[in-house]
Each structure stands twice: as C-alpha cells, then as structure tokens.
C-alpha cells in the first residue's frame, strides 16, 4: 500500500471517529447531529441568519436535494424556517428561527467542548493543532466563512 493511500485511509478513519464523537454528544444533549450543527452554524454566520438553499448546499458540499432532505427535520423541530424570495419565486432561503439561534448558542458550546476534549491529550500542543489546520487546508478543508453574528 502506498503512503498516500495509507494516510488517506487514516484520515477517513479519523474523520469517522470525530463525527461519531460529535454526533454522540450533540445527539444526546440536543437531538441533532454534526451535520445538523453545520447547517445551523452556516446559517448563524450568514448575513441576516439566512442563506439561499443553493448557497447552503455549496457551503456544505451537498446537492440541492441533499440540503432539502437535511433541512426538513430542522424545520419540523422549529430551528429553521423556509423563506421565499419576494422578487423571485424560484429562490428559497433557509433561515434560523429565534429558537434556532438560541439553540445554536448552546450547541456551539457543546461542540467547543467536544473539540477541546479531542485535543486535550497531553501530546497535542497548540503548534500541532495549527500545523494540522494548515495541512487540512491544503487538502481542501477550508474553515467556515467569517462570523456575522453567531452567538458566542
């Protein structure tokens, strides 16, 4: 097996382990998954707390239909709402509700704790985390857009 394939498979396994940790904590506390949290976080950072569904799909790396399926449960529990564009009926927005914004504050705190726990081991120094962030960025793992009011 090549080094590149070995590293790729290790990265996939690490990603799976991280998703499992986030899903476990966020699911038990708030009934949401990591994928749900990412939707809420993107909306929370978007101007006005809303995004066109097509833009949200691009930001999440999903298809438009994938976003529609992912938004439905969040709509049912009142964290987001569908909004039509007043000028173009073909355009649909996903927007945080007041409840969604409040819940995002709590979910964000729990997600921060999961991340802190992951990197709390004594063999993780700040420089290691910065280097990992740099390497992941080189692989296409860019960060989230600038914060436009995400509760801290």
C-alpha atoms as a PDB file:
ATOM      1  CA  UNK A   1       0.000   0.000   0.000  1.00  0.00           C
ATOM      2  CA  UNK A   2       1.317   3.440  -0.879  1.00  0.00           C
ATOM      3  CA  UNK A   3       1.965   6.059   1.783  1.00  0.00           C
ATOM      4  CA  UNK A   4      -0.624   8.309   0.145  1.00  0.00           C
ATOM      5  CA  UNK A   5      -3.321   5.633   0.363  1.00  0.00           C
ATOM      6  CA  UNK A   6      -2.358   4.780   3.937  1.00  0.00           C
ATOM      7  CA  UNK A   7      -2.615   8.437   5.008  1.00  0.00           C
ATOM      8  CA  UNK A   8      -5.886   8.854   3.111  1.00  0.00           C
ATOM      9  CA  UNK A   9      -7.429   5.872   4.885  1.00  0.00           C
ATOM     10  CA  UNK A  10      -6.169   7.086   8.262  1.00  0.00           C
ATOM     11  CA  UNK A  11      -7.753  10.464   7.565  1.00  0.00           C
ATOM     12  CA  UNK A  12     -11.080   8.818   6.716  1.00  0.00           C
ATOM     13  CA  UNK A  13     -10.931   6.754   9.918  1.00  0.00           C
ATOM     14  CA  UNK A  14     -10.106   9.857  11.992  1.00  0.00           C
ATOM     15  CA  UNK A  15     -12.981  11.754  10.368  1.00  0.00           C
ATOM     16  CA  UNK A  16     -15.372   8.903  11.161  1.00  0.00           C
ATOM     17  CA  UNK A  17     -14.238   8.892  14.788  1.00  0.00           C
ATOM     18  CA  UNK A  18     -14.721  12.673  15.059  1.00  0.00           C
ATOM     19  CA  UNK A  19     -18.200  12.523  13.537  1.00  0.00           C
ATOM     20  CA  UNK A  20     -19.128   9.767  15.981  1.00  0.00           C
ATOM     21  CA  UNK A  21     -17.955  11.878  18.961  1.00  0.00           C
ATOM     22  CA  UNK A  22     -19.838  14.968  17.816  1.00  0.00           C
ATOM     23  CA  UNK A  23     -22.977  13.004  16.910  1.00  0.00           C
ATOM     24  CA  UNK A  24     -22.975  11.251  20.266  1.00  0.00           C
ATOM     25  CA  UNK A  25     -22.650  14.419  22.350  1.00  0.00           C
ATOM     26  CA  UNK A  26     -24.875  16.673  20.258  1.00  0.00           C
ATOM     27  CA  UNK A  27     -27.464  13.956  19.786  1.00  0.00           C
ATOM     28  CA  UNK A  28     -27.720  13.136  23.471  1.00  0.00           C
ATOM     29  CA  UNK A  29     -27.897  16.783  24.552  1.00  0.00           C
ATOM     30  CA  UNK A  30     -29.883  18.406  21.752  1.00  0.00           C
ATOM     31  CA  UNK A  31     -31.195  15.723  19.410  1.00  0.00           C
ATOM     32  CA  UNK A  32     -29.106  16.993  16.492  1.00  0.00           C
ATOM     33  CA  UNK A  33     -26.243  15.529  14.503  1.00  0.00           C
ATOM     34  CA  UNK A  34     -22.953  17.080  13.464  1.00  0.00           C
ATOM     35  CA  UNK A  35     -24.477  17.614  10.004  1.00  0.00           C
ATOM     36  CA  UNK A  36     -27.402  19.489  11.590  1.00  0.00           C
ATOM     37  CA  UNK A  37     -24.978  21.591  13.625  1.00  0.00           C
ATOM     38  CA  UNK A  38     -23.041  22.518  10.479  1.00  0.00           C
ATOM     39  CA  UNK A  39     -26.261  23.705   8.824  1.00  0.00           C
ATOM     40  CA  UNK A  40     -27.161  25.800  11.862  1.00  0.00           C
ATOM     41  CA  UNK A  41     -23.629  27.174  12.125  1.00  0.00           C
ATOM     42  CA  UNK A  42     -23.544  28.248   8.475  1.00  0.00           C
ATOM     43  CA  UNK A  43     -26.921  29.929   8.844  1.00  0.00           C
ATOM     44  CA  UNK A  44     -25.836  31.573  12.084  1.00  0.00           C
ATOM     45  CA  UNK A  45     -22.794  33.042  10.367  1.00  0.00           C
ATOM     46  CA  UNK A  46     -24.686  34.178   7.282  1.00  0.00           C
ATOM     47  CA  UNK A  47     -25.844  37.748   6.881  1.00  0.00           C
ATOM     48  CA  UNK A  48     -29.310  38.001   8.422  1.00  0.00           C
ATOM     49  CA  UNK A  49     -29.162  34.382   9.632  1.00  0.00           C
ATOM     50  CA  UNK A  50     -30.313  33.071   6.276  1.00  0.00           C
ATOM     51  CA  UNK A  51     -28.904  31.642   3.080  1.00  0.00           C
ATOM     52  CA  UNK A  52     -30.240  30.642  -0.292  1.00  0.00           C
ATOM     53  CA  UNK A  53     -30.590  26.872  -0.271  1.00  0.00           C
ATOM     54  CA  UNK A  54     -28.312  26.546  -3.289  1.00  0.00           C
ATOM     55  CA  UNK A  55     -25.588  28.549  -1.488  1.00  0.00           C
ATOM     56  CA  UNK A  56     -26.014  26.440   1.628  1.00  0.00           C
ATOM     57  CA  UNK A  57     -25.621  23.314  -0.497  1.00  0.00           C
ATOM     58  CA  UNK A  58     -22.364  24.672  -1.913  1.00  0.00           C
ATOM     59  CA  UNK A  59     -21.045  25.616   1.516  1.00  0.00           C
ATOM     60  CA  UNK A  60     -21.825  22.160   2.882  1.00  0.00           C
ATOM     61  CA  UNK A  61     -20.612  20.264  -0.171  1.00  0.00           C
ATOM     62  CA  UNK A  62     -24.056  18.761  -0.763  1.00  0.00           C
ATOM     63  CA  UNK A  63     -26.529  18.654  -3.613  1.00  0.00           C
ATOM     64  CA  UNK A  64     -29.622  20.855  -3.507  1.00  0.00           C
ATOM     65  CA  UNK A  65     -31.764  17.784  -2.831  1.00  0.00           C
ATOM     66  CA  UNK A  66     -29.372  16.712  -0.061  1.00  0.00           C
ATOM     67  CA  UNK A  67     -29.822  20.076   1.621  1.00  0.00           C
ATOM     68  CA  UNK A  68     -33.594  19.861   1.268  1.00  0.00           C
ATOM     69  CA  UNK A  69     -33.588  16.445   2.965  1.00  0.00           C
ATOM     70  CA  UNK A  70     -31.266  17.718   5.692  1.00  0.00           C
ATOM     71  CA  UNK A  71     -33.322  20.820   6.391  1.00  0.00           C
ATOM     72  CA  UNK A  72     -36.662  19.039   6.784  1.00  0.00           C
ATOM     73  CA  UNK A  73     -36.017  17.694  10.324  1.00  0.00           C
ATOM     74  CA  UNK A  74     -34.665  21.075  11.445  1.00  0.00           C
ATOM     75  CA  UNK A  75     -37.815  22.727  10.087  1.00  0.00           C
ATOM     76  CA  UNK A  76     -40.042  20.198  11.903  1.00  0.00           C
ATOM     77  CA  UNK A  77     -38.413  20.953  15.268  1.00  0.00           C
ATOM     78  CA  UNK A  78     -38.623  24.711  14.700  1.00  0.00           C
ATOM     79  CA  UNK A  79     -34.929  25.578  14.386  1.00  0.00           C
ATOM     80  CA  UNK A  80     -35.135  26.838  10.818  1.00  0.00           C
ATOM     81  CA  UNK A  81     -37.840  28.080   8.509  1.00  0.00           C
ATOM     82  CA  UNK A  82     -38.204  28.195   4.744  1.00  0.00           C
ATOM     83  CA  UNK A  83     -38.499  31.696   3.303  1.00  0.00           C
ATOM     84  CA  UNK A  84     -39.443  32.651  -0.239  1.00  0.00           C
ATOM     85  CA  UNK A  85     -37.715  35.457  -2.102  1.00  0.00           C
ATOM     86  CA  UNK A  86     -40.111  38.386  -2.570  1.00  0.00           C
ATOM     87  CA  UNK A  87     -38.669  39.116  -6.032  1.00  0.00           C
ATOM     88  CA  UNK A  88     -38.116  35.581  -7.383  1.00  0.00           C
ATOM     89  CA  UNK A  89     -40.458  32.708  -6.528  1.00  0.00           C
ATOM     90  CA  UNK A  90     -37.854  30.196  -7.721  1.00  0.00           C
ATOM     91  CA  UNK A  91     -35.453  31.204  -4.929  1.00  0.00           C
ATOM     92  CA  UNK A  92     -35.838  29.687  -1.468  1.00  0.00           C
ATOM     93  CA  UNK A  93     -33.968  30.608   1.682  1.00  0.00           C
ATOM     94  CA  UNK A  94     -33.289  28.652   4.827  1.00  0.00           C
ATOM     95  CA  UNK A  95     -33.347  30.910   7.870  1.00  0.00           C
ATOM     96  CA  UNK A  96     -32.729  30.433  11.565  1.00  0.00           C
ATOM     97  CA  UNK A  97     -35.711  30.944  13.815  1.00  0.00           C
ATOM     98  CA  UNK A  98     -35.305  32.703  17.147  1.00  0.00           C
ATOM     99  CA  UNK A  99     -35.386  29.259  18.751  1.00  0.00           C
ATOM    100  CA  UNK A 100     -32.750  28.060  16.270  1.00  0.00           C
ATOM    101  CA  UNK A 101     -30.469  30.970  17.153  1.00  0.00           C
ATOM    102  CA  UNK A 102     -30.858  30.273  20.886  1.00  0.00           C
ATOM    103  CA  UNK A 103     -30.290  26.542  20.423  1.00  0.00           C
ATOM    104  CA  UNK A 104     -27.233  27.247  18.242  1.00  0.00           C
ATOM    105  CA  UNK A 105     -25.642  29.094  21.159  1.00  0.00           C
ATOM    106  CA  UNK A 106     -25.979  26.011  23.359  1.00  0.00           C
ATOM    107  CA  UNK A 107     -24.970  23.557  20.635  1.00  0.00           C
ATOM    108  CA  UNK A 108     -21.894  25.636  19.830  1.00  0.00           C
ATOM    109  CA  UNK A 109     -20.764  25.469  23.460  1.00  0.00           C
ATOM    110  CA  UNK A 110     -21.156  21.682  23.481  1.00  0.00           C
ATOM    111  CA  UNK A 111     -19.313  21.365  20.145  1.00  0.00           C
ATOM    112  CA  UNK A 112     -16.473  23.501  21.510  1.00  0.00           C
ATOM    113  CA  UNK A 113     -16.222  21.102  24.454  1.00  0.00           C
ATOM    114  CA  UNK A 114     -16.088  18.061  22.179  1.00  0.00           C
ATOM    115  CA  UNK A 115     -13.298  19.707  20.180  1.00  0.00           C
ATOM    116  CA  UNK A 116     -11.450  20.632  23.374  1.00  0.00           C
ATOM    117  CA  UNK A 117     -11.741  17.039  24.591  1.00  0.00           C
ATOM    118  CA  UNK A 118     -10.384  15.676  21.304  1.00  0.00           C
ATOM    119  CA  UNK A 119      -7.265  17.828  21.519  1.00  0.00           C
ATOM    120  CA  UNK A 120      -6.863  17.723  25.316  1.00  0.00           C
ATOM    121  CA  UNK A 121      -4.437  14.810  25.284  1.00  0.00           C
ATOM    122  CA  UNK A 122      -1.006  15.856  26.552  1.00  0.00           C
ATOM    123  CA  UNK A 123       0.616  15.074  23.218  1.00  0.00           C
ATOM    124  CA  UNK A 124      -1.383  17.804  21.409  1.00  0.00           C
ATOM    125  CA  UNK A 125       0.372  21.175  21.581  1.00  0.00           C
ATOM    126  CA  UNK A 126      -1.004  24.384  20.108  1.00  0.00           C
ATOM    127  CA  UNK A 127       1.602  24.224  17.348  1.00  0.00           C
ATOM    128  CA  UNK A 128       0.457  20.705  16.432  1.00  0.00           C
ATOM    129  CA  UNK A 129      -3.121  21.891  16.062  1.00  0.00           C
ATOM    130  CA  UNK A 130      -2.029  24.841  13.910  1.00  0.00           C
ATOM    131  CA  UNK A 131       0.052  22.530  11.714  1.00  0.00           C
ATOM    132  CA  UNK A 132      -2.858  20.117  11.336  1.00  0.00           C
ATOM    133  CA  UNK A 133      -5.137  23.010  10.359  1.00  0.00           C
ATOM    134  CA  UNK A 134      -2.610  24.089   7.721  1.00  0.00           C
ATOM    135  CA  UNK A 135      -2.303  20.577   6.312  1.00  0.00           C
ATOM    136  CA  UNK A 136      -6.074  20.076   6.211  1.00  0.00           C
ATOM    137  CA  UNK A 137      -6.463  23.396   4.413  1.00  0.00           C
ATOM    138  CA  UNK A 138      -4.003  22.174   1.775  1.00  0.00           C
ATOM    139  CA  UNK A 139      -6.317  19.181   1.270  1.00  0.00           C
ATOM    140  CA  UNK A 140      -9.304  21.477   0.742  1.00  0.00           C
ATOM    141  CA  UNK A 141     -10.570  21.578   4.320  1.00  0.00           C
ATOM    142  CA  UNK A 142     -11.253  25.289   4.455  1.00  0.00           C
ATOM    143  CA  UNK A 143     -12.759  26.898   7.509  1.00  0.00           C
ATOM    144  CA  UNK A 144     -16.171  28.495   7.842  1.00  0.00           C
ATOM    145  CA  UNK A 145     -16.954  31.969   6.488  1.00  0.00           C
ATOM    146  CA  UNK A 146     -16.473  34.981   8.709  1.00  0.00           C
ATOM    147  CA  UNK A 147     -18.837  35.290  11.644  1.00  0.00           C
ATOM    148  CA  UNK A 148     -21.786  37.646  11.047  1.00  0.00           C
ATOM    149  CA  UNK A 149     -23.291  37.338  14.477  1.00  0.00           C
ATOM    150  CA  UNK A 150     -23.006  33.736  15.572  1.00  0.00           C
ATOM    151  CA  UNK A 151     -23.663  33.735  19.287  1.00  0.00           C
ATOM    152  CA  UNK A 152     -20.514  33.106  21.271  1.00  0.00           C
END
